[in-house]
Amino acid sequence: MSQDPENEDGQLHTLGLLERLRSETNLVQGAYAGLYQRVDKLLREIENPNLHDIANMNFRVELWDQHALHIRWVIAASGSVFLAHAAFEEAVKQWPDQKLTLRNGIMLMREYPPTKRGG
């Protein structure tokens, strides 16, 4: 049984396109891997506690997803507890129907809406 020459040319052309696509994808993957490593290194340097206070913005106002499982957005980050509280108050005014937290690192300082604790 003989193959149709036009169909065979089409298959070869398609295989050639797939090979070129794979090659381009490998180039992009390598570029992103290097970029990821460089950005990760810089973020680790920012975490250094000996940096000036401008880089140490431990107080964060966070807006959570509808199930309060994941942070959707860090609304504000500050090295000043006073500014963080002011940002939290403003966030409550701007998004009264959302779950918001004010944290210092992992320590919860405030949350909105407040949850009842204890019995």
PDB file of N, CA and C in Angstrom:
ATOM      1  N   MET A   1       0.853  -1.159   0.000  1.00  0.00           N
ATOM      2  CA  MET A   1       0.000   0.000   0.000  1.00  0.00           C
ATOM      3  C   MET A   1       0.908   1.234   0.000  1.00  0.00           C
ATOM      4  N   SER A   2       0.688   2.158  -0.914  1.00  0.00           N
ATOM      5  CA  SER A   2       1.552   3.337  -1.012  1.00  0.00           C
ATOM      6  C   SER A   2       0.909   4.518  -0.294  1.00  0.00           C
ATOM      7  N   GLN A   3       1.772   5.375   0.247  1.00  0.00           N
ATOM      8  CA  GLN A   3       1.319   6.572   0.975  1.00  0.00           C
ATOM      9  C   GLN A   3       1.080   7.694  -0.020  1.00  0.00           C
ATOM     10  N   ASP A   4       0.163   8.563   0.316  1.00  0.00           N
ATOM     11  CA  ASP A   4      -0.102   9.749  -0.482  1.00  0.00           C
ATOM     12  C   ASP A   4       1.046  10.729  -0.261  1.00  0.00           C
ATOM     13  N   PRO A   5       1.773  11.161  -1.308  1.00  0.00           N
ATOM     14  CA  PRO A   5       2.928  12.065  -1.126  1.00  0.00           C
ATOM     15  C   PRO A   5       2.559  13.375  -0.443  1.00  0.00           C
ATOM     16  N   GLU A   6       1.378  13.906  -0.725  1.00  0.00           N
ATOM     17  CA  GLU A   6       0.971  15.155  -0.067  1.00  0.00           C
ATOM     18  C   GLU A   6       0.777  14.951   1.422  1.00  0.00           C
ATOM     19  N   ASN A   7       0.173  13.846   1.805  1.00  0.00           N
ATOM     20  CA  ASN A   7      -0.051  13.530   3.208  1.00  0.00           C
ATOM     21  C   ASN A   7       1.281  13.328   3.923  1.00  0.00           C
ATOM     22  N   GLU A   8       2.221  12.634   3.250  1.00  0.00           N
ATOM     23  CA  GLU A   8       3.539  12.399   3.842  1.00  0.00           C
ATOM     24  C   GLU A   8       4.274  13.721   4.053  1.00  0.00           C
ATOM     25  N   ASP A   9       4.195  14.630   3.083  1.00  0.00           N
ATOM     26  CA  ASP A   9       4.819  15.947   3.226  1.00  0.00           C
ATOM     27  C   ASP A   9       4.185  16.720   4.375  1.00  0.00           C
ATOM     28  N   GLY A  10       2.874  16.605   4.517  1.00  0.00           N
ATOM     29  CA  GLY A  10       2.180  17.282   5.610  1.00  0.00           C
ATOM     30  C   GLY A  10       2.615  16.742   6.964  1.00  0.00           C
ATOM     31  N   GLN A  11       2.788  15.418   7.047  1.00  0.00           N
ATOM     32  CA  GLN A  11       3.242  14.818   8.298  1.00  0.00           C
ATOM     33  C   GLN A  11       4.657  15.267   8.635  1.00  0.00           C
ATOM     34  N   LEU A  12       5.530  15.305   7.629  1.00  0.00           N
ATOM     35  CA  LEU A  12       6.907  15.753   7.861  1.00  0.00           C
ATOM     36  C   LEU A  12       6.936  17.219   8.290  1.00  0.00           C
ATOM     37  N   HIS A  13       6.097  18.015   7.664  1.00  0.00           N
ATOM     38  CA  HIS A  13       6.026  19.431   8.032  1.00  0.00           C
ATOM     39  C   HIS A  13       5.542  19.583   9.482  1.00  0.00           C
ATOM     40  N   THR A  14       4.511  18.815   9.860  1.00  0.00           N
ATOM     41  CA  THR A  14       3.991  18.858  11.223  1.00  0.00           C
ATOM     42  C   THR A  14       5.046  18.416  12.225  1.00  0.00           C
ATOM     43  N   LEU A  15       5.767  17.335  11.915  1.00  0.00           N
ATOM     44  CA  LEU A  15       6.843  16.880  12.808  1.00  0.00           C
ATOM     45  C   LEU A  15       7.939  17.926  12.930  1.00  0.00           C
ATOM     46  N   GLY A  16       8.246  18.595  11.841  1.00  0.00           N
ATOM     47  CA  GLY A  16       9.250  19.664  11.882  1.00  0.00           C
ATOM     48  C   GLY A  16       8.802  20.810  12.776  1.00  0.00           C
ATOM     49  N   LEU A  17       7.523  21.174  12.668  1.00  0.00           N
ATOM     50  CA  LEU A  17       6.991  22.234  13.533  1.00  0.00           C
ATOM     51  C   LEU A  17       7.052  21.831  15.003  1.00  0.00           C
ATOM     52  N   LEU A  18       6.709  20.585  15.290  1.00  0.00           N
ATOM     53  CA  LEU A  18       6.760  20.112  16.676  1.00  0.00           C
ATOM     54  C   LEU A  18       8.186  20.124  17.219  1.00  0.00           C
ATOM     55  N   GLU A  19       9.151  19.748  16.396  1.00  0.00           N
ATOM     56  CA  GLU A  19      10.552  19.782  16.827  1.00  0.00           C
ATOM     57  C   GLU A  19      11.006  21.213  17.107  1.00  0.00           C
ATOM     58  N   ARG A  20      10.617  22.147  16.242  1.00  0.00           N
ATOM     59  CA  ARG A  20      10.984  23.557  16.461  1.00  0.00           C
ATOM     60  C   ARG A  20      10.316  24.098  17.722  1.00  0.00           C
ATOM     61  N   LEU A  21       9.057  23.729  17.957  1.00  0.00           N
ATOM     62  CA  LEU A  21       8.337  24.162  19.151  1.00  0.00           C
ATOM     63  C   LEU A  21       9.016  23.631  20.410  1.00  0.00           C
ATOM     64  N   ARG A  22       9.415  22.366  20.386  1.00  0.00           N
ATOM     65  CA  ARG A  22      10.111  21.767  21.531  1.00  0.00           C
ATOM     66  C   ARG A  22      11.440  22.492  21.780  1.00  0.00           C
ATOM     67  N   SER A  23      12.149  22.804  20.726  1.00  0.00           N
ATOM     68  CA  SER A  23      13.423  23.508  20.859  1.00  0.00           C
ATOM     69  C   SER A  23      13.231  24.887  21.482  1.00  0.00           C
ATOM     70  N   GLU A  24      12.225  25.626  20.999  1.00  0.00           N
ATOM     71  CA  GLU A  24      11.940  26.965  21.550  1.00  0.00           C
ATOM     72  C   GLU A  24      11.516  26.871  23.007  1.00  0.00           C
ATOM     73  N   THR A  25      10.723  25.875  23.335  1.00  0.00           N
ATOM     74  CA  THR A  25      10.277  25.678  24.713  1.00  0.00           C
ATOM     75  C   THR A  25      11.455  25.416  25.638  1.00  0.00           C
ATOM     76  N   ASN A  26      12.412  24.630  25.185  1.00  0.00           N
ATOM     77  CA  ASN A  26      13.603  24.365  25.995  1.00  0.00           C
ATOM     78  C   ASN A  26      14.405  25.633  26.241  1.00  0.00           C
ATOM     79  N   LEU A  27      14.477  26.518  25.243  1.00  0.00           N
ATOM     80  CA  LEU A  27      15.176  27.789  25.427  1.00  0.00           C
ATOM     81  C   LEU A  27      14.492  28.636  26.497  1.00  0.00           C
ATOM     82  N   VAL A  28      13.164  28.722  26.432  1.00  0.00           N
ATOM     83  CA  VAL A  28      12.405  29.515  27.400  1.00  0.00           C
ATOM     84  C   VAL A  28      12.534  28.915  28.793  1.00  0.00           C
ATOM     85  N   GLN A  29      12.448  27.588  28.884  1.00  0.00           N
ATOM     86  CA  GLN A  29      12.549  26.930  30.183  1.00  0.00           C
ATOM     87  C   GLN A  29      13.899  27.230  30.827  1.00  0.00           C
ATOM     88  N   GLY A  30      14.970  27.185  30.059  1.00  0.00           N
ATOM     89  CA  GLY A  30      16.295  27.494  30.594  1.00  0.00           C
ATOM     90  C   GLY A  30      16.400  28.937  31.058  1.00  0.00           C
ATOM     91  N   ALA A  31      15.812  29.859  30.302  1.00  0.00           N
ATOM     92  CA  ALA A  31      15.854  31.274  30.683  1.00  0.00           C
ATOM     93  C   ALA A  31      15.083  31.508  31.973  1.00  0.00           C
ATOM     94  N   TYR A  32      13.900  30.891  32.106  1.00  0.00           N
ATOM     95  CA  TYR A  32      13.101  31.063  33.316  1.00  0.00           C
ATOM     96  C   TYR A  32      13.753  30.414  34.526  1.00  0.00           C
ATOM     97  N   ALA A  33      14.393  29.287  34.335  1.00  0.00           N
ATOM     98  CA  ALA A  33      15.063  28.627  35.461  1.00  0.00           C
ATOM     99  C   ALA A  33      16.155  29.527  36.021  1.00  0.00           C
ATOM    100  N   GLY A  34      16.939  30.140  35.154  1.00  0.00           N
ATOM    101  CA  GLY A  34      17.979  31.059  35.605  1.00  0.00           C
ATOM    102  C   GLY A  34      17.397  32.289  36.271  1.00  0.00           C
ATOM    103  N   LEU A  35      16.336  32.831  35.697  1.00  0.00           N
ATOM    104  CA  LEU A  35      15.673  33.996  36.289  1.00  0.00           C
ATOM    105  C   LEU A  35      15.126  33.660  37.661  1.00  0.00           C
ATOM    106  N   TYR A  36      14.500  32.501  37.789  1.00  0.00           N
ATOM    107  CA  TYR A  36      13.945  32.084  39.083  1.00  0.00           C
ATOM    108  C   TYR A  36      15.047  32.028  40.138  1.00  0.00           C
ATOM    109  N   GLN A  37      16.186  31.455  39.795  1.00  0.00           N
ATOM    110  CA  GLN A  37      17.286  31.342  40.759  1.00  0.00           C
ATOM    111  C   GLN A  37      17.811  32.716  41.165  1.00  0.00           C
ATOM    112  N   ARG A  38      17.922  33.638  40.209  1.00  0.00           N
ATOM    113  CA  ARG A  38      18.421  34.981  40.538  1.00  0.00           C
ATOM    114  C   ARG A  38      17.434  35.736  41.431  1.00  0.00           C
ATOM    115  N   VAL A  39      16.141  35.661  41.115  1.00  0.00           N
ATOM    116  CA  VAL A  39      15.128  36.342  41.930  1.00  0.00           C
ATOM    117  C   VAL A  39      15.064  35.722  43.317  1.00  0.00           C
ATOM    118  N   ASP A  40      15.134  34.405  43.405  1.00  0.00           N
ATOM    119  CA  ASP A  40      15.105  33.725  44.697  1.00  0.00           C
ATOM    120  C   ASP A  40      16.294  34.163  45.552  1.00  0.00           C
ATOM    121  N   LYS A  41      17.461  34.284  44.962  1.00  0.00           N
ATOM    122  CA  LYS A  41      18.653  34.733  45.694  1.00  0.00           C
ATOM    123  C   LYS A  41      18.456  36.151  46.242  1.00  0.00           C
ATOM    124  N   LEU A  42      17.894  37.039  45.427  1.00  0.00           N
ATOM    125  CA  LEU A  42      17.648  38.408  45.880  1.00  0.00           C
ATOM    126  C   LEU A  42      16.612  38.450  47.003  1.00  0.00           C
ATOM    127  N   LEU A  43      15.562  37.644  46.890  1.00  0.00           N
ATOM    128  CA  LEU A  43      14.553  37.616  47.952  1.00  0.00           C
ATOM    129  C   LEU A  43      15.144  37.103  49.261  1.00  0.00           C
ATOM    130  N   ARG A  44      16.039  36.147  49.186  1.00  0.00           N
ATOM    131  CA  ARG A  44      16.696  35.645  50.399  1.00  0.00           C
ATOM    132  C   ARG A  44      17.586  36.723  51.024  1.00  0.00           C
ATOM    133  N   GLU A  45      18.218  37.532  50.201  1.00  0.00           N
ATOM    134  CA  GLU A  45      19.040  38.629  50.730  1.00  0.00           C
ATOM    135  C   GLU A  45      18.175  39.658  51.441  1.00  0.00           C
ATOM    136  N   ILE A  46      16.983  39.925  50.921  1.00  0.00           N
ATOM    137  CA  ILE A  46      16.082  40.891  51.549  1.00  0.00           C
ATOM    138  C   ILE A  46      15.638  40.405  52.924  1.00  0.00           C
ATOM    139  N   GLU A  47      15.556  39.100  53.126  1.00  0.00           N
ATOM    140  CA  GLU A  47      15.125  38.551  54.415  1.00  0.00           C
ATOM    141  C   GLU A  47      16.162  38.739  55.514  1.00  0.00           C
ATOM    142  N   ASN A  48      17.353  39.189  55.189  1.00  0.00           N
ATOM    143  CA  ASN A  48      18.415  39.376  56.164  1.00  0.00           C
ATOM    144  C   ASN A  48      17.971  40.368  57.237  1.00  0.00           C
ATOM    145  N   PRO A  49      17.951  39.968  58.511  1.00  0.00           N
ATOM    146  CA  PRO A  49      17.480  40.869  59.578  1.00  0.00           C
ATOM    147  C   PRO A  49      18.417  42.047  59.834  1.00  0.00           C
ATOM    148  N   ASN A  50      19.610  42.029  59.272  1.00  0.00           N
ATOM    149  CA  ASN A  50      20.555  43.118  59.489  1.00  0.00           C
ATOM    150  C   ASN A  50      20.413  44.239  58.468  1.00  0.00           C
ATOM    151  N   LEU A  51      19.484  44.105  57.532  1.00  0.00           N
ATOM    152  CA  LEU A  51      19.266  45.168  56.561  1.00  0.00           C
ATOM    153  C   LEU A  51      18.576  46.348  57.236  1.00  0.00           C
ATOM    154  N   HIS A  52      18.665  47.488  56.611  1.00  0.00           N
ATOM    155  CA  HIS A  52      17.993  48.683  57.110  1.00  0.00           C
ATOM    156  C   HIS A  52      16.492  48.415  57.199  1.00  0.00           C
ATOM    157  N   ASP A  53      15.808  49.117  58.084  1.00  0.00           N
ATOM    158  CA  ASP A  53      14.378  48.896  58.331  1.00  0.00           C
ATOM    159  C   ASP A  53      13.508  49.000  57.091  1.00  0.00           C
ATOM    160  N   ILE A  54      13.944  49.742  56.079  1.00  0.00           N
ATOM    161  CA  ILE A  54      13.106  49.879  54.891  1.00  0.00           C
ATOM    162  C   ILE A  54      12.881  48.523  54.222  1.00  0.00           C
ATOM    163  N   ALA A  55      13.840  47.623  54.378  1.00  0.00           N
ATOM    164  CA  ALA A  55      13.687  46.289  53.774  1.00  0.00           C
ATOM    165  C   ALA A  55      12.980  45.322  54.718  1.00  0.00           C
ATOM    166  N   ASN A  56      12.931  45.648  55.989  1.00  0.00           N
ATOM    167  CA  ASN A  56      12.312  44.753  56.973  1.00  0.00           C
ATOM    168  C   ASN A  56      10.894  45.214  57.278  1.00  0.00           C
ATOM    169  N   MET A  57      10.001  44.873  56.394  1.00  0.00           N
ATOM    170  CA  MET A  57       8.598  45.243  56.552  1.00  0.00           C
ATOM    171  C   MET A  57       7.829  44.031  57.045  1.00  0.00           C
ATOM    172  N   ASN A  58       7.995  43.740  58.328  1.00  0.00           N
ATOM    173  CA  ASN A  58       7.413  42.539  58.912  1.00  0.00           C
ATOM    174  C   ASN A  58       5.914  42.621  59.127  1.00  0.00           C
ATOM    175  N   PHE A  59       5.390  43.830  59.265  1.00  0.00           N
ATOM    176  CA  PHE A  59       3.959  43.996  59.520  1.00  0.00           C
ATOM    177  C   PHE A  59       3.228  44.020  58.177  1.00  0.00           C
ATOM    178  N   ARG A  60       2.280  43.102  58.011  1.00  0.00           N
ATOM    179  CA  ARG A  60       1.591  42.982  56.726  1.00  0.00           C
ATOM    180  C   ARG A  60       0.085  42.947  56.915  1.00  0.00           C
ATOM    181  N   VAL A  61      -0.596  43.711  56.074  1.00  0.00           N
ATOM    182  CA  VAL A  61      -2.057  43.677  56.002  1.00  0.00           C
ATOM    183  C   VAL A  61      -2.390  42.798  54.800  1.00  0.00           C
ATOM    184  N   GLU A  62      -3.161  41.732  55.068  1.00  0.00           N
ATOM    185  CA  GLU A  62      -3.411  40.734  54.032  1.00  0.00           C
ATOM    186  C   GLU A  62      -4.903  40.557  53.785  1.00  0.00           C
ATOM    187  N   LEU A  63      -5.273  40.436  52.530  1.00  0.00           N
ATOM    188  CA  LEU A  63      -6.639  40.155  52.125  1.00  0.00           C
ATOM    189  C   LEU A  63      -6.667  38.684  51.706  1.00  0.00           C
ATOM    190  N   TRP A  64      -7.612  37.924  52.268  1.00  0.00           N
ATOM    191  CA  TRP A  64      -7.675  36.479  52.078  1.00  0.00           C
ATOM    192  C   TRP A  64      -8.728  36.097  51.049  1.00  0.00           C
ATOM    193  N   ASP A  65      -8.624  34.865  50.539  1.00  0.00           N
ATOM    194  CA  ASP A  65      -9.630  34.361  49.605  1.00  0.00           C
ATOM    195  C   ASP A  65     -10.949  34.115  50.336  1.00  0.00           C
ATOM    196  N   GLN A  66     -11.982  33.770  49.595  1.00  0.00           N
ATOM    197  CA  GLN A  66     -13.331  33.650  50.180  1.00  0.00           C
ATOM    198  C   GLN A  66     -13.443  32.543  51.223  1.00  0.00           C
ATOM    199  N   HIS A  67     -12.538  31.566  51.187  1.00  0.00           N
ATOM    200  CA  HIS A  67     -12.572  30.483  52.169  1.00  0.00           C
ATOM    201  C   HIS A  67     -11.566  30.701  53.297  1.00  0.00           C
ATOM    202  N   ALA A  68     -10.857  31.824  53.256  1.00  0.00           N
ATOM    203  CA  ALA A  68      -9.836  32.174  54.250  1.00  0.00           C
ATOM    204  C   ALA A  68      -8.751  31.098  54.344  1.00  0.00           C
ATOM    205  N   LEU A  69      -8.400  30.547  53.194  1.00  0.00           N
ATOM    206  CA  LEU A  69      -7.351  29.535  53.150  1.00  0.00           C
ATOM    207  C   LEU A  69      -6.041  30.073  52.588  1.00  0.00           C
ATOM    208  N   HIS A  70      -6.138  31.054  51.680  1.00  0.00           N
ATOM    209  CA  HIS A  70      -4.951  31.567  51.004  1.00  0.00           C
ATOM    210  C   HIS A  70      -4.984  33.092  50.955  1.00  0.00           C
ATOM    211  N   ILE A  71      -3.821  33.684  51.077  1.00  0.00           N
ATOM    212  CA  ILE A  71      -3.708  35.136  50.939  1.00  0.00           C
ATOM    213  C   ILE A  71      -3.845  35.467  49.460  1.00  0.00           C
ATOM    214  N   ARG A  72      -4.788  36.335  49.141  1.00  0.00           N
ATOM    215  CA  ARG A  72      -4.949  36.783  47.752  1.00  0.00           C
ATOM    216  C   ARG A  72      -4.029  37.946  47.443  1.00  0.00           C
ATOM    217  N   TRP A  73      -3.830  38.811  48.464  1.00  0.00           N
ATOM    218  CA  TRP A  73      -3.126  40.051  48.176  1.00  0.00           C
ATOM    219  C   TRP A  73      -2.570  40.614  49.473  1.00  0.00           C
ATOM    220  N   VAL A  74      -1.318  41.027  49.457  1.00  0.00           N
ATOM    221  CA  VAL A  74      -0.749  41.788  50.570  1.00  0.00           C
ATOM    222  C   VAL A  74      -1.046  43.248  50.258  1.00  0.00           C
ATOM    223  N   ILE A  75      -1.941  43.829  51.037  1.00  0.00           N
ATOM    224  CA  ILE A  75      -2.396  45.191  50.791  1.00  0.00           C
ATOM    225  C   ILE A  75      -1.340  46.205  51.203  1.00  0.00           C
ATOM    226  N   ALA A  76      -0.679  45.939  52.330  1.00  0.00           N
ATOM    227  CA  ALA A  76       0.333  46.865  52.829  1.00  0.00           C
ATOM    228  C   ALA A  76       1.399  46.081  53.578  1.00  0.00           C
ATOM    229  N   ALA A  77       2.619  46.593  53.519  1.00  0.00           N
ATOM    230  CA  ALA A  77       3.727  46.034  54.290  1.00  0.00           C
ATOM    231  C   ALA A  77       4.476  47.213  54.889  1.00  0.00           C
ATOM    232  N   SER A  78       4.805  47.102  56.182  1.00  0.00           N
ATOM    233  CA  SER A  78       5.421  48.222  56.878  1.00  0.00           C
ATOM    234  C   SER A  78       6.388  47.730  57.940  1.00  0.00           C
ATOM    235  N   GLY A  79       7.388  48.534  58.199  1.00  0.00           N
ATOM    236  CA  GLY A  79       8.280  48.276  59.312  1.00  0.00           C
ATOM    237  C   GLY A  79       7.779  48.940  60.579  1.00  0.00           C
ATOM    238  N   SER A  80       6.742  49.744  60.464  1.00  0.00           N
ATOM    239  CA  SER A  80       6.181  50.491  61.592  1.00  0.00           C
ATOM    240  C   SER A  80       4.850  49.880  62.013  1.00  0.00           C
ATOM    241  N   VAL A  81       4.741  49.538  63.283  1.00  0.00           N
ATOM    242  CA  VAL A  81       3.491  48.978  63.795  1.00  0.00           C
ATOM    243  C   VAL A  81       2.366  50.009  63.720  1.00  0.00           C
ATOM    244  N   PHE A  82       2.680  51.286  63.893  1.00  0.00           N
ATOM    245  CA  PHE A  82       1.658  52.332  63.847  1.00  0.00           C
ATOM    246  C   PHE A  82       1.084  52.475  62.438  1.00  0.00           C
ATOM    247  N   LEU A  83       1.955  52.476  61.437  1.00  0.00           N
ATOM    248  CA  LEU A  83       1.479  52.559  60.052  1.00  0.00           C
ATOM    249  C   LEU A  83       0.712  51.295  59.661  1.00  0.00           C
ATOM    250  N   ALA A  84       1.139  50.155  60.165  1.00  0.00           N
ATOM    251  CA  ALA A  84       0.454  48.898  59.865  1.00  0.00           C
ATOM    252  C   ALA A  84      -0.970  48.915  60.408  1.00  0.00           C
ATOM    253  N   HIS A  85      -1.148  49.408  61.632  1.00  0.00           N
ATOM    254  CA  HIS A  85      -2.499  49.499  62.199  1.00  0.00           C
ATOM    255  C   HIS A  85      -3.367  50.466  61.391  1.00  0.00           C
ATOM    256  N   ALA A  86      -2.793  51.580  60.966  1.00  0.00           N
ATOM    257  CA  ALA A  86      -3.544  52.544  60.152  1.00  0.00           C
ATOM    258  C   ALA A  86      -3.923  51.921  58.808  1.00  0.00           C
ATOM    259  N   ALA A  87      -3.013  51.187  58.211  1.00  0.00           N
ATOM    260  CA  ALA A  87      -3.307  50.525  56.937  1.00  0.00           C
ATOM    261  C   ALA A  87      -4.400  49.475  57.118  1.00  0.00           C
ATOM    262  N   PHE A  88      -4.366  48.761  58.229  1.00  0.00           N
ATOM    263  CA  PHE A  88      -5.399  47.759  58.513  1.00  0.00           C
ATOM    264  C   PHE A  88      -6.764  48.426  58.632  1.00  0.00           C
ATOM    265  N   GLU A  89      -6.843  49.523  59.383  1.00  0.00           N
ATOM    266  CA  GLU A  89      -8.111  50.246  59.554  1.00  0.00           C
ATOM    267  C   GLU A  89      -8.651  50.708  58.200  1.00  0.00           C
ATOM    268  N   GLU A  90      -7.781  51.220  57.359  1.00  0.00           N
ATOM    269  CA  GLU A  90      -8.212  51.685  56.040  1.00  0.00           C
ATOM    270  C   GLU A  90      -8.660  50.516  55.165  1.00  0.00           C
ATOM    271  N   ALA A  91      -7.970  49.398  55.253  1.00  0.00           N
ATOM    272  CA  ALA A  91      -8.355  48.217  54.483  1.00  0.00           C
ATOM    273  C   ALA A  91      -9.745  47.738  54.888  1.00  0.00           C
ATOM    274  N   VAL A  92     -10.050  47.776  56.181  1.00  0.00           N
ATOM    275  CA  VAL A  92     -11.380  47.378  56.655  1.00  0.00           C
ATOM    276  C   VAL A  92     -12.445  48.302  56.056  1.00  0.00           C
ATOM    277  N   LYS A  93     -12.134  49.582  55.965  1.00  0.00           N
ATOM    278  CA  LYS A  93     -13.086  50.530  55.366  1.00  0.00           C
ATOM    279  C   LYS A  93     -13.270  50.252  53.872  1.00  0.00           C
ATOM    280  N   GLN A  94     -12.180  49.948  53.186  1.00  0.00           N
ATOM    281  CA  GLN A  94     -12.228  49.732  51.742  1.00  0.00           C
ATOM    282  C   GLN A  94     -12.863  48.392  51.362  1.00  0.00           C
ATOM    283  N   TRP A  95     -12.636  47.360  52.168  1.00  0.00           N
ATOM    284  CA  TRP A  95     -13.112  46.009  51.864  1.00  0.00           C
ATOM    285  C   TRP A  95     -13.851  45.417  53.067  1.00  0.00           C
ATOM    286  N   PRO A  96     -15.001  45.985  53.448  1.00  0.00           N
ATOM    287  CA  PRO A  96     -15.690  45.520  54.654  1.00  0.00           C
ATOM    288  C   PRO A  96     -16.280  44.117  54.537  1.00  0.00           C
ATOM    289  N   ASP A  97     -16.393  43.613  53.334  1.00  0.00           N
ATOM    290  CA  ASP A  97     -16.976  42.277  53.150  1.00  0.00           C
ATOM    291  C   ASP A  97     -15.900  41.200  52.940  1.00  0.00           C
ATOM    292  N   GLN A  98     -14.640  41.541  53.207  1.00  0.00           N
ATOM    293  CA  GLN A  98     -13.532  40.613  52.980  1.00  0.00           C
ATOM    294  C   GLN A  98     -12.868  40.204  54.296  1.00  0.00           C
ATOM    295  N   LYS A  99     -12.186  39.077  54.273  1.00  0.00           N
ATOM    296  CA  LYS A  99     -11.377  38.609  55.406  1.00  0.00           C
ATOM    297  C   LYS A  99     -10.023  39.313  55.309  1.00  0.00           C
ATOM    298  N   LEU A 100      -9.630  39.998  56.392  1.00  0.00           N
ATOM    299  CA  LEU A 100      -8.369  40.740  56.440  1.00  0.00           C
ATOM    300  C   LEU A 100      -7.604  40.357  57.702  1.00  0.00           C
ATOM    301  N   THR A 101      -6.300  40.372  57.605  1.00  0.00           N
ATOM    302  CA  THR A 101      -5.470  40.142  58.786  1.00  0.00           C
ATOM    303  C   THR A 101      -4.341  41.155  58.824  1.00  0.00           C
ATOM    304  N   LEU A 102      -3.879  41.410  60.036  1.00  0.00           N
ATOM    305  CA  LEU A 102      -2.657  42.175  60.267  1.00  0.00           C
ATOM    306  C   LEU A 102      -1.739  41.222  61.008  1.00  0.00           C
ATOM    307  N   ARG A 103      -0.586  40.956  60.407  1.00  0.00           N
ATOM    308  CA  ARG A 103       0.341  40.016  61.034  1.00  0.00           C
ATOM    309  C   ARG A 103       1.737  40.618  61.120  1.00  0.00           C
ATOM    310  N   ASN A 104       2.445  40.169  62.136  1.00  0.00           N
ATOM    311  CA  ASN A 104       3.868  40.463  62.286  1.00  0.00           C
ATOM    312  C   ASN A 104       4.564  39.126  62.072  1.00  0.00           C
ATOM    313  N   GLY A 105       5.103  38.925  60.858  1.00  0.00           N
ATOM    314  CA  GLY A 105       5.620  37.617  60.513  1.00  0.00           C
ATOM    315  C   GLY A 105       4.462  36.638  60.493  1.00  0.00           C
ATOM    316  N   ILE A 106       4.553  35.584  61.327  1.00  0.00           N
ATOM    317  CA  ILE A 106       3.446  34.618  61.383  1.00  0.00           C
ATOM    318  C   ILE A 106       2.482  34.912  62.532  1.00  0.00           C
ATOM    319  N   MET A 107       2.831  35.879  63.385  1.00  0.00           N
ATOM    320  CA  MET A 107       1.978  36.196  64.540  1.00  0.00           C
ATOM    321  C   MET A 107       0.789  37.055  64.112  1.00  0.00           C
ATOM    322  N   LEU A 108      -0.411  36.553  64.386  1.00  0.00           N
ATOM    323  CA  LEU A 108      -1.635  37.286  64.087  1.00  0.00           C
ATOM    324  C   LEU A 108      -1.826  38.378  65.132  1.00  0.00           C
ATOM    325  N   MET A 109      -1.934  39.628  64.667  1.00  0.00           N
ATOM    326  CA  MET A 109      -2.155  40.755  65.566  1.00  0.00           C
ATOM    327  C   MET A 109      -3.625  41.171  65.589  1.00  0.00           C
ATOM    328  N   ARG A 110      -4.239  41.223  64.413  1.00  0.00           N
ATOM    329  CA  ARG A 110      -5.647  41.598  64.291  1.00  0.00           C
ATOM    330  C   ARG A 110      -6.241  40.854  63.110  1.00  0.00           C
ATOM    331  N   GLU A 111      -7.559  40.704  63.144  1.00  0.00           N
ATOM    332  CA  GLU A 111      -8.245  40.121  61.997  1.00  0.00           C
ATOM    333  C   GLU A 111      -9.623  40.751  61.864  1.00  0.00           C
ATOM    334  N   TYR A 112     -10.129  40.738  60.651  1.00  0.00           N
ATOM    335  CA  TYR A 112     -11.446  41.256  60.354  1.00  0.00           C
ATOM    336  C   TYR A 112     -12.114  40.314  59.363  1.00  0.00           C
ATOM    337  N   PRO A 113     -13.337  39.948  59.573  1.00  0.00           N
ATOM    338  CA  PRO A 113     -14.094  40.197  60.785  1.00  0.00           C
ATOM    339  C   PRO A 113     -13.488  39.405  61.945  1.00  0.00           C
ATOM    340  N   PRO A 114     -13.599  39.961  63.145  1.00  0.00           N
ATOM    341  CA  PRO A 114     -13.011  39.271  64.298  1.00  0.00           C
ATOM    342  C   PRO A 114     -13.694  37.927  64.542  1.00  0.00           C
ATOM    343  N   THR A 115     -12.913  36.950  64.936  1.00  0.00           N
ATOM    344  CA  THR A 115     -13.483  35.657  65.278  1.00  0.00           C
ATOM    345  C   THR A 115     -13.528  35.521  66.778  1.00  0.00           C
ATOM    346  N   LYS A 116     -14.532  34.806  67.248  1.00  0.00           N
ATOM    347  CA  LYS A 116     -14.665  34.591  68.686  1.00  0.00           C
ATOM    348  C   LYS A 116     -13.709  33.456  69.073  1.00  0.00           C
ATOM    349  N   ARG A 117     -12.961  33.683  70.119  1.00  0.00           N
ATOM    350  CA  ARG A 117     -12.030  32.669  70.624  1.00  0.00           C
ATOM    351  C   ARG A 117     -12.480  32.227  71.998  1.00  0.00           C
ATOM    352  N   GLY A 118     -12.218  30.972  72.288  1.00  0.00           N
ATOM    353  CA  GLY A 118     -12.577  30.465  73.597  1.00  0.00           C
ATOM    354  C   GLY A 118     -14.053  30.096  73.674  1.00  0.00           C
ATOM    355  N   GLY A 119     -14.541  29.841  74.881  1.00  0.00           N
ATOM    356  CA  GLY A 119     -15.922  29.385  75.045  1.00  0.00           C
ATOM    357  C   GLY A 119     -16.765  30.496  75.465  1.00  0.00           C
TER     358      GLY A 119
END
